[in-house]
Amino acid sequence: MATTITLRSPVDGFEFTALHAEPEGARQGGVIVIQEIFGLDSYVAEDVARWAALGFEVIAPSMFDRQEKGFVAGHDEHGFAVGRQYAQANGAENPVADVQACVDALKDKGPVFLVGYCYGGTVAWRAAATVQGLAAVSSYYGGGVAGLANLTPLCPVICHFGRKDQHIPADQVAETLQKAHPDVPVYIYENSGHGFNNDGRPDSNLEDAQLARKRTLDLFRGNSGR
């Protein structure tokens, strides 16, 4: 069961909260889960529990604590608007610093992996190129990833996009990424839209979510150093 912990940014000393879960069974490493723009909602809590059940110690930082401590929004127009506002206000450097704090909390116990969704998918890509100590990263439908194709990942990365995503042109993003980074697998899920891994969203797709999770788990296990 997840508990709430407090971590400190190594850059500005800001203290932020995070969900934390111990691994079940044999330890496989650490996983950092980066939220969508809706905060640490029930979907994030469920994802934390899923990774813990697979043997990972999990940390999910509350990315918008600088804007509003413990922010959680509904999946509606208002929640989307506030989440976008907070994401813009938080900038690019604060999320990376907070991810580094999470890595630092886990790295002495084994390999550290990261998975991010939507807003978190973009943070995941940036973190892969700037954060020290990540073993592998899985980025789901990050709307800003193509615009960051100039960044070079420091670790193995995979990306997931839905063909029916109304917000992200999957083919265009895949072409941009693969031109800049031909070694980065970009998976396009033909029957899915945006947020297909989140069973609380209209675009959720269980079959594609399971496939993307398997690919992510294979990536993590393949880069565990074991």
C-alpha atoms as a PDB file:
ATOM      1  CA  MET A   1       0.000   0.000   0.000  1.00  0.00           C
ATOM      2  CA  ALA A   2       1.317   3.423  -0.943  1.00  0.00           C
ATOM      3  CA  THR A   3       2.203   6.019   1.667  1.00  0.00           C
ATOM      4  CA  THR A   4       3.088   9.703   1.302  1.00  0.00           C
ATOM      5  CA  ILE A   5       6.709  10.751   1.680  1.00  0.00           C
ATOM      6  CA  THR A   6       8.546  14.069   1.364  1.00  0.00           C
ATOM      7  CA  LEU A   7      11.571  14.631  -0.866  1.00  0.00           C
ATOM      8  CA  ARG A   8      13.765  17.674  -1.435  1.00  0.00           C
ATOM      9  CA  SER A   9      14.803  19.134  -4.785  1.00  0.00           C
ATOM     10  CA  PRO A  10      18.599  19.121  -5.170  1.00  0.00           C
ATOM     11  CA  VAL A  11      18.409  22.431  -7.044  1.00  0.00           C
ATOM     12  CA  ASP A  12      16.259  24.834  -5.032  1.00  0.00           C
ATOM     13  CA  GLY A  13      15.686  22.806  -1.856  1.00  0.00           C
ATOM     14  CA  PHE A  14      11.917  22.768  -2.382  1.00  0.00           C
ATOM     15  CA  GLU A  15      10.187  19.989  -0.458  1.00  0.00           C
ATOM     16  CA  PHE A  16       7.540  18.085  -2.383  1.00  0.00           C
ATOM     17  CA  THR A  17       5.357  15.121  -1.573  1.00  0.00           C
ATOM     18  CA  ALA A  18       5.257  11.791  -3.384  1.00  0.00           C
ATOM     19  CA  LEU A  19       3.443   8.485  -3.266  1.00  0.00           C
ATOM     20  CA  HIS A  20       5.762   5.664  -2.228  1.00  0.00           C
ATOM     21  CA  ALA A  21       5.252   1.905  -2.329  1.00  0.00           C
ATOM     22  CA  GLU A  22       7.586  -0.900  -1.309  1.00  0.00           C
ATOM     23  CA  PRO A  23       8.114  -3.799  -3.735  1.00  0.00           C
ATOM     24  CA  GLU A  24       6.185  -7.019  -3.359  1.00  0.00           C
ATOM     25  CA  GLY A  25       8.265 -10.192  -3.587  1.00  0.00           C
ATOM     26  CA  ALA A  26      11.784 -10.176  -5.014  1.00  0.00           C
ATOM     27  CA  ARG A  27      13.027  -6.650  -5.676  1.00  0.00           C
ATOM     28  CA  GLN A  28      13.351  -5.753  -9.383  1.00  0.00           C
ATOM     29  CA  GLY A  29      14.558  -2.167  -8.960  1.00  0.00           C
ATOM     30  CA  GLY A  30      12.916   1.223  -8.582  1.00  0.00           C
ATOM     31  CA  VAL A  31      10.279   2.871 -10.778  1.00  0.00           C
ATOM     32  CA  ILE A  32       9.438   6.565 -10.860  1.00  0.00           C
ATOM     33  CA  VAL A  33       5.905   7.268 -12.121  1.00  0.00           C
ATOM     34  CA  ILE A  34       5.272  10.720 -13.592  1.00  0.00           C
ATOM     35  CA  GLN A  35       1.653  11.832 -13.594  1.00  0.00           C
ATOM     36  CA  GLU A  36      -0.639  13.280 -16.219  1.00  0.00           C
ATOM     37  CA  ILE A  37      -1.637  16.917 -15.682  1.00  0.00           C
ATOM     38  CA  PHE A  38      -4.389  15.859 -13.263  1.00  0.00           C
ATOM     39  CA  GLY A  39      -2.042  15.286 -10.317  1.00  0.00           C
ATOM     40  CA  LEU A  40      -1.679  12.212  -8.121  1.00  0.00           C
ATOM     41  CA  ASP A  41      -5.180  10.918  -8.751  1.00  0.00           C
ATOM     42  CA  SER A  42      -6.579   7.404  -8.377  1.00  0.00           C
ATOM     43  CA  TYR A  43      -5.098   6.384 -11.740  1.00  0.00           C
ATOM     44  CA  VAL A  44      -1.574   7.204 -10.546  1.00  0.00           C
ATOM     45  CA  ALA A  45      -2.211   5.375  -7.273  1.00  0.00           C
ATOM     46  CA  GLU A  46      -3.345   2.305  -9.228  1.00  0.00           C
ATOM     47  CA  ASP A  47      -0.287   2.480 -11.457  1.00  0.00           C
ATOM     48  CA  VAL A  48       1.978   2.728  -8.413  1.00  0.00           C
ATOM     49  CA  ALA A  49       0.313  -0.388  -6.990  1.00  0.00           C
ATOM     50  CA  ARG A  50       0.747  -2.256 -10.288  1.00  0.00           C
ATOM     51  CA  TRP A  51       4.481  -1.595 -10.415  1.00  0.00           C
ATOM     52  CA  ALA A  52       4.924  -2.470  -6.747  1.00  0.00           C
ATOM     53  CA  ALA A  53       3.127  -5.784  -7.347  1.00  0.00           C
ATOM     54  CA  LEU A  54       5.726  -6.540 -10.039  1.00  0.00           C
ATOM     55  CA  GLY A  55       8.555  -6.155  -7.545  1.00  0.00           C
ATOM     56  CA  PHE A  56       9.515  -2.507  -7.922  1.00  0.00           C
ATOM     57  CA  GLU A  57       9.902   0.139  -5.243  1.00  0.00           C
ATOM     58  CA  VAL A  58       7.845   3.021  -6.617  1.00  0.00           C
ATOM     59  CA  ILE A  59       7.909   6.792  -6.182  1.00  0.00           C
ATOM     60  CA  ALA A  60       5.334   9.054  -7.852  1.00  0.00           C
ATOM     61  CA  PRO A  61       6.210  12.715  -7.199  1.00  0.00           C
ATOM     62  CA  SER A  62       3.504  15.347  -6.919  1.00  0.00           C
ATOM     63  CA  MET A  63       4.780  17.457  -9.792  1.00  0.00           C
ATOM     64  CA  PHE A  64       2.714  20.577  -9.133  1.00  0.00           C
ATOM     65  CA  ASP A  65       3.363  21.018  -5.403  1.00  0.00           C
ATOM     66  CA  ARG A  66       5.058  24.345  -6.146  1.00  0.00           C
ATOM     67  CA  GLN A  67       1.753  25.564  -7.556  1.00  0.00           C
ATOM     68  CA  GLU A  68      -0.664  23.788  -5.183  1.00  0.00           C
ATOM     69  CA  LYS A  69       0.252  21.212  -2.555  1.00  0.00           C
ATOM     70  CA  GLY A  70      -1.469  17.887  -3.170  1.00  0.00           C
ATOM     71  CA  PHE A  71      -3.133  19.048  -6.382  1.00  0.00           C
ATOM     72  CA  VAL A  72      -5.649  16.574  -7.843  1.00  0.00           C
ATOM     73  CA  ALA A  73      -8.069  17.554 -10.616  1.00  0.00           C
ATOM     74  CA  GLY A  74     -11.054  15.945 -12.246  1.00  0.00           C
ATOM     75  CA  HIS A  75     -10.840  14.732 -15.842  1.00  0.00           C
ATOM     76  CA  ASP A  76     -12.976  17.597 -17.074  1.00  0.00           C
ATOM     77  CA  GLU A  77     -12.527  20.954 -18.774  1.00  0.00           C
ATOM     78  CA  HIS A  78     -11.748  22.779 -15.539  1.00  0.00           C
ATOM     79  CA  GLY A  79      -9.260  20.154 -14.369  1.00  0.00           C
ATOM     80  CA  PHE A  80      -7.556  20.164 -17.753  1.00  0.00           C
ATOM     81  CA  ALA A  81      -7.305  23.970 -17.770  1.00  0.00           C
ATOM     82  CA  VAL A  82      -5.842  24.185 -14.266  1.00  0.00           C
ATOM     83  CA  GLY A  83      -3.451  21.307 -14.935  1.00  0.00           C
ATOM     84  CA  ARG A  84      -2.159  22.978 -18.095  1.00  0.00           C
ATOM     85  CA  GLN A  85      -1.731  26.255 -16.225  1.00  0.00           C
ATOM     86  CA  TYR A  86       0.277  24.533 -13.495  1.00  0.00           C
ATOM     87  CA  ALA A  87       2.389  22.633 -16.022  1.00  0.00           C
ATOM     88  CA  GLN A  88       3.329  25.877 -17.749  1.00  0.00           C
ATOM     89  CA  ALA A  89       4.036  27.634 -14.459  1.00  0.00           C
ATOM     90  CA  ASN A  90       6.240  24.775 -13.288  1.00  0.00           C
ATOM     91  CA  GLY A  91       8.551  25.198 -16.274  1.00  0.00           C
ATOM     92  CA  ALA A  92      11.103  22.713 -17.567  1.00  0.00           C
ATOM     93  CA  GLU A  93      13.766  22.688 -14.855  1.00  0.00           C
ATOM     94  CA  ASN A  94      11.669  22.057 -11.732  1.00  0.00           C
ATOM     95  CA  PRO A  95      10.280  18.703 -12.939  1.00  0.00           C
ATOM     96  CA  VAL A  96      13.760  17.479 -13.894  1.00  0.00           C
ATOM     97  CA  ALA A  97      15.142  18.478 -10.490  1.00  0.00           C
ATOM     98  CA  ASP A  98      12.319  16.654  -8.728  1.00  0.00           C
ATOM     99  CA  VAL A  99      12.927  13.536 -10.823  1.00  0.00           C
ATOM    100  CA  GLN A 100      16.602  13.701  -9.839  1.00  0.00           C
ATOM    101  CA  ALA A 101      15.549  13.750  -6.174  1.00  0.00           C
ATOM    102  CA  CYS A 102      13.485  10.605  -6.779  1.00  0.00           C
ATOM    103  CA  VAL A 103      16.403   8.871  -8.507  1.00  0.00           C
ATOM    104  CA  ASP A 104      18.715   9.821  -5.652  1.00  0.00           C
ATOM    105  CA  ALA A 105      16.281   8.249  -3.172  1.00  0.00           C
ATOM    106  CA  LEU A 106      16.305   4.934  -5.061  1.00  0.00           C
ATOM    107  CA  LYS A 107      19.667   4.558  -6.784  1.00  0.00           C
ATOM    108  CA  ASP A 108      21.608   2.951  -3.927  1.00  0.00           C
ATOM    109  CA  LYS A 109      19.188   0.006  -3.911  1.00  0.00           C
ATOM    110  CA  GLY A 110      19.460  -1.007  -7.573  1.00  0.00           C
ATOM    111  CA  PRO A 111      18.532   0.179 -11.089  1.00  0.00           C
ATOM    112  CA  VAL A 112      16.052   3.044 -11.392  1.00  0.00           C
ATOM    113  CA  PHE A 113      13.505   3.274 -14.209  1.00  0.00           C
ATOM    114  CA  LEU A 114      10.963   5.925 -15.148  1.00  0.00           C
ATOM    115  CA  VAL A 115       7.550   5.863 -16.793  1.00  0.00           C
ATOM    116  CA  GLY A 116       5.536   8.981 -17.600  1.00  0.00           C
ATOM    117  CA  TYR A 117       2.089   9.628 -19.062  1.00  0.00           C
ATOM    118  CA  CYS A 118       0.892  12.612 -21.130  1.00  0.00           C
ATOM    119  CA  TYR A 119       2.508  15.585 -19.325  1.00  0.00           C
ATOM    120  CA  GLY A 120       4.647  12.961 -17.645  1.00  0.00           C
ATOM    121  CA  GLY A 121       5.561  11.503 -21.029  1.00  0.00           C
ATOM    122  CA  THR A 122       7.204  14.788 -21.988  1.00  0.00           C
ATOM    123  CA  VAL A 123       8.903  15.053 -18.588  1.00  0.00           C
ATOM    124  CA  ALA A 124      10.108  11.473 -19.079  1.00  0.00           C
ATOM    125  CA  TRP A 125      11.814  12.312 -22.376  1.00  0.00           C
ATOM    126  CA  ARG A 126      13.513  15.397 -20.927  1.00  0.00           C
ATOM    127  CA  ALA A 127      14.562  13.430 -17.840  1.00  0.00           C
ATOM    128  CA  ALA A 128      16.065  10.685 -20.001  1.00  0.00           C
ATOM    129  CA  ALA A 129      18.382  13.305 -21.503  1.00  0.00           C
ATOM    130  CA  THR A 130      19.236  15.274 -18.372  1.00  0.00           C
ATOM    131  CA  VAL A 131      18.795  13.235 -15.179  1.00  0.00           C
ATOM    132  CA  GLN A 132      21.732  11.208 -13.897  1.00  0.00           C
ATOM    133  CA  GLY A 133      21.180   7.607 -12.822  1.00  0.00           C
ATOM    134  CA  LEU A 134      18.227   6.397 -14.891  1.00  0.00           C
ATOM    135  CA  ALA A 135      18.574   2.893 -16.349  1.00  0.00           C
ATOM    136  CA  ALA A 136      15.666   3.140 -18.843  1.00  0.00           C
ATOM    137  CA  VAL A 137      12.629   5.317 -19.594  1.00  0.00           C
ATOM    138  CA  SER A 138       9.175   4.645 -21.070  1.00  0.00           C
ATOM    139  CA  SER A 139       7.327   7.714 -22.379  1.00  0.00           C
ATOM    140  CA  TYR A 140       3.587   7.532 -23.058  1.00  0.00           C
ATOM    141  CA  TYR A 141       1.910  10.039 -25.410  1.00  0.00           C
ATOM    142  CA  GLY A 142       4.037  13.032 -24.451  1.00  0.00           C
ATOM    143  CA  GLY A 143       2.759  15.999 -26.425  1.00  0.00           C
ATOM    144  CA  GLY A 144       6.057  17.877 -26.154  1.00  0.00           C
ATOM    145  CA  VAL A 145       8.398  15.035 -27.073  1.00  0.00           C
ATOM    146  CA  ALA A 146       8.750  15.884 -30.777  1.00  0.00           C
ATOM    147  CA  GLY A 147       9.745  19.434 -29.865  1.00  0.00           C
ATOM    148  CA  LEU A 148      12.533  18.019 -27.697  1.00  0.00           C
ATOM    149  CA  ALA A 149      13.965  15.707 -30.348  1.00  0.00           C
ATOM    150  CA  ASN A 150      17.194  17.715 -30.191  1.00  0.00           C
ATOM    151  CA  LEU A 151      17.821  16.221 -26.734  1.00  0.00           C
ATOM    152  CA  THR A 152      19.827  13.000 -26.687  1.00  0.00           C
ATOM    153  CA  PRO A 153      18.768  10.365 -24.145  1.00  0.00           C
ATOM    154  CA  LEU A 154      21.416   9.112 -21.734  1.00  0.00           C
ATOM    155  CA  CYS A 155      19.667   5.756 -21.369  1.00  0.00           C
ATOM    156  CA  PRO A 156      17.413   3.446 -23.422  1.00  0.00           C
ATOM    157  CA  VAL A 157      13.984   4.963 -24.137  1.00  0.00           C
ATOM    158  CA  ILE A 158      10.774   3.743 -25.757  1.00  0.00           C
ATOM    159  CA  CYS A 159       7.797   5.905 -26.744  1.00  0.00           C
ATOM    160  CA  HIS A 160       4.096   5.064 -27.084  1.00  0.00           C
ATOM    161  CA  PHE A 161       1.452   6.973 -29.069  1.00  0.00           C
ATOM    162  CA  GLY A 162      -2.136   6.268 -30.105  1.00  0.00           C
ATOM    163  CA  ARG A 163      -3.035   6.441 -33.782  1.00  0.00           C
ATOM    164  CA  LYS A 164      -6.386   8.059 -32.927  1.00  0.00           C
ATOM    165  CA  ASP A 165      -4.885  10.693 -30.605  1.00  0.00           C
ATOM    166  CA  GLN A 166      -6.658  13.981 -31.349  1.00  0.00           C
ATOM    167  CA  HIS A 167      -3.833  15.991 -29.763  1.00  0.00           C
ATOM    168  CA  ILE A 168      -0.674  14.338 -31.113  1.00  0.00           C
ATOM    169  CA  PRO A 169      -0.048  13.457 -34.804  1.00  0.00           C
ATOM    170  CA  ALA A 170       1.485  10.040 -34.188  1.00  0.00           C
ATOM    171  CA  ASP A 171       3.095   9.520 -37.595  1.00  0.00           C
ATOM    172  CA  GLN A 172       4.631  12.985 -37.635  1.00  0.00           C
ATOM    173  CA  VAL A 173       6.034  12.578 -34.127  1.00  0.00           C
ATOM    174  CA  ALA A 174       7.391   9.122 -34.924  1.00  0.00           C
ATOM    175  CA  GLU A 175       9.096  10.438 -38.065  1.00  0.00           C
ATOM    176  CA  THR A 176      10.668  13.334 -36.152  1.00  0.00           C
ATOM    177  CA  LEU A 177      11.921  11.111 -33.357  1.00  0.00           C
ATOM    178  CA  GLN A 178      13.236   8.352 -35.565  1.00  0.00           C
ATOM    179  CA  LYS A 179      15.053  10.799 -37.816  1.00  0.00           C
ATOM    180  CA  ALA A 180      16.851  12.238 -34.788  1.00  0.00           C
ATOM    181  CA  HIS A 181      17.137   8.992 -32.806  1.00  0.00           C
ATOM    182  CA  PRO A 182      16.843   5.901 -35.030  1.00  0.00           C
ATOM    183  CA  ASP A 183      17.666   3.662 -32.071  1.00  0.00           C
ATOM    184  CA  VAL A 184      14.590   4.787 -30.080  1.00  0.00           C
ATOM    185  CA  PRO A 185      11.577   2.490 -30.654  1.00  0.00           C
ATOM    186  CA  VAL A 186       8.364   4.445 -31.251  1.00  0.00           C
ATOM    187  CA  TYR A 187       5.241   2.301 -30.928  1.00  0.00           C
ATOM    188  CA  ILE A 188       1.969   3.435 -32.491  1.00  0.00           C
ATOM    189  CA  TYR A 189      -1.210   1.756 -31.225  1.00  0.00           C
ATOM    190  CA  GLU A 190      -3.664   1.657 -34.109  1.00  0.00           C
ATOM    191  CA  ASN A 191      -6.883   1.416 -32.094  1.00  0.00           C
ATOM    192  CA  SER A 192      -6.073   3.928 -29.359  1.00  0.00           C
ATOM    193  CA  GLY A 193      -6.344   7.633 -28.741  1.00  0.00           C
ATOM    194  CA  HIS A 194      -4.748   9.815 -26.094  1.00  0.00           C
ATOM    195  CA  GLY A 195      -4.521   8.429 -22.574  1.00  0.00           C
ATOM    196  CA  PHE A 196      -5.150   4.822 -23.599  1.00  0.00           C
ATOM    197  CA  ASN A 197      -3.338   3.473 -20.541  1.00  0.00           C
ATOM    198  CA  ASN A 198      -5.701   5.285 -18.156  1.00  0.00           C
ATOM    199  CA  ASP A 199      -8.851   3.241 -17.576  1.00  0.00           C
ATOM    200  CA  GLY A 200     -10.588   6.327 -16.199  1.00  0.00           C
ATOM    201  CA  ARG A 201     -10.439   8.136 -19.538  1.00  0.00           C
ATOM    202  CA  PRO A 202     -12.728   7.753 -22.578  1.00  0.00           C
ATOM    203  CA  ASP A 203      -9.806   6.704 -24.791  1.00  0.00           C
ATOM    204  CA  SER A 204      -8.726   3.864 -22.517  1.00  0.00           C
ATOM    205  CA  ASN A 205      -7.879   0.638 -24.336  1.00  0.00           C
ATOM    206  CA  LEU A 206      -7.140  -2.377 -22.156  1.00  0.00           C
ATOM    207  CA  GLU A 207      -5.521  -4.472 -24.887  1.00  0.00           C
ATOM    208  CA  ASP A 208      -3.127  -1.711 -25.950  1.00  0.00           C
ATOM    209  CA  ALA A 209      -2.442  -0.756 -22.335  1.00  0.00           C
ATOM    210  CA  GLN A 210      -1.409  -4.334 -21.580  1.00  0.00           C
ATOM    211  CA  LEU A 211       0.840  -4.469 -24.642  1.00  0.00           C
ATOM    212  CA  ALA A 212       2.496  -1.140 -23.806  1.00  0.00           C
ATOM    213  CA  ARG A 213       3.021  -2.260 -20.210  1.00  0.00           C
ATOM    214  CA  LYS A 214       4.608  -5.511 -21.386  1.00  0.00           C
ATOM    215  CA  ARG A 215       6.963  -3.572 -23.646  1.00  0.00           C
ATOM    216  CA  THR A 216       7.806  -1.254 -20.772  1.00  0.00           C
ATOM    217  CA  LEU A 217       8.405  -4.131 -18.380  1.00  0.00           C
ATOM    218  CA  ASP A 218      10.597  -5.883 -20.958  1.00  0.00           C
ATOM    219  CA  LEU A 219      12.594  -2.657 -21.356  1.00  0.00           C
ATOM    220  CA  PHE A 220      13.093  -2.339 -17.613  1.00  0.00           C
ATOM    221  CA  ARG A 221      14.032  -5.962 -17.095  1.00  0.00           C
ATOM    222  CA  GLY A 222      16.358  -5.863 -20.084  1.00  0.00           C
ATOM    223  CA  ASN A 223      18.246  -2.927 -18.570  1.00  0.00           C
ATOM    224  CA  SER A 224      18.385  -4.085 -14.967  1.00  0.00           C
ATOM    225  CA  GLY A 225      22.006  -5.204 -15.216  1.00  0.00           C
ATOM    226  CA  ARG A 226      21.060  -8.737 -14.227  1.00  0.00           C
END
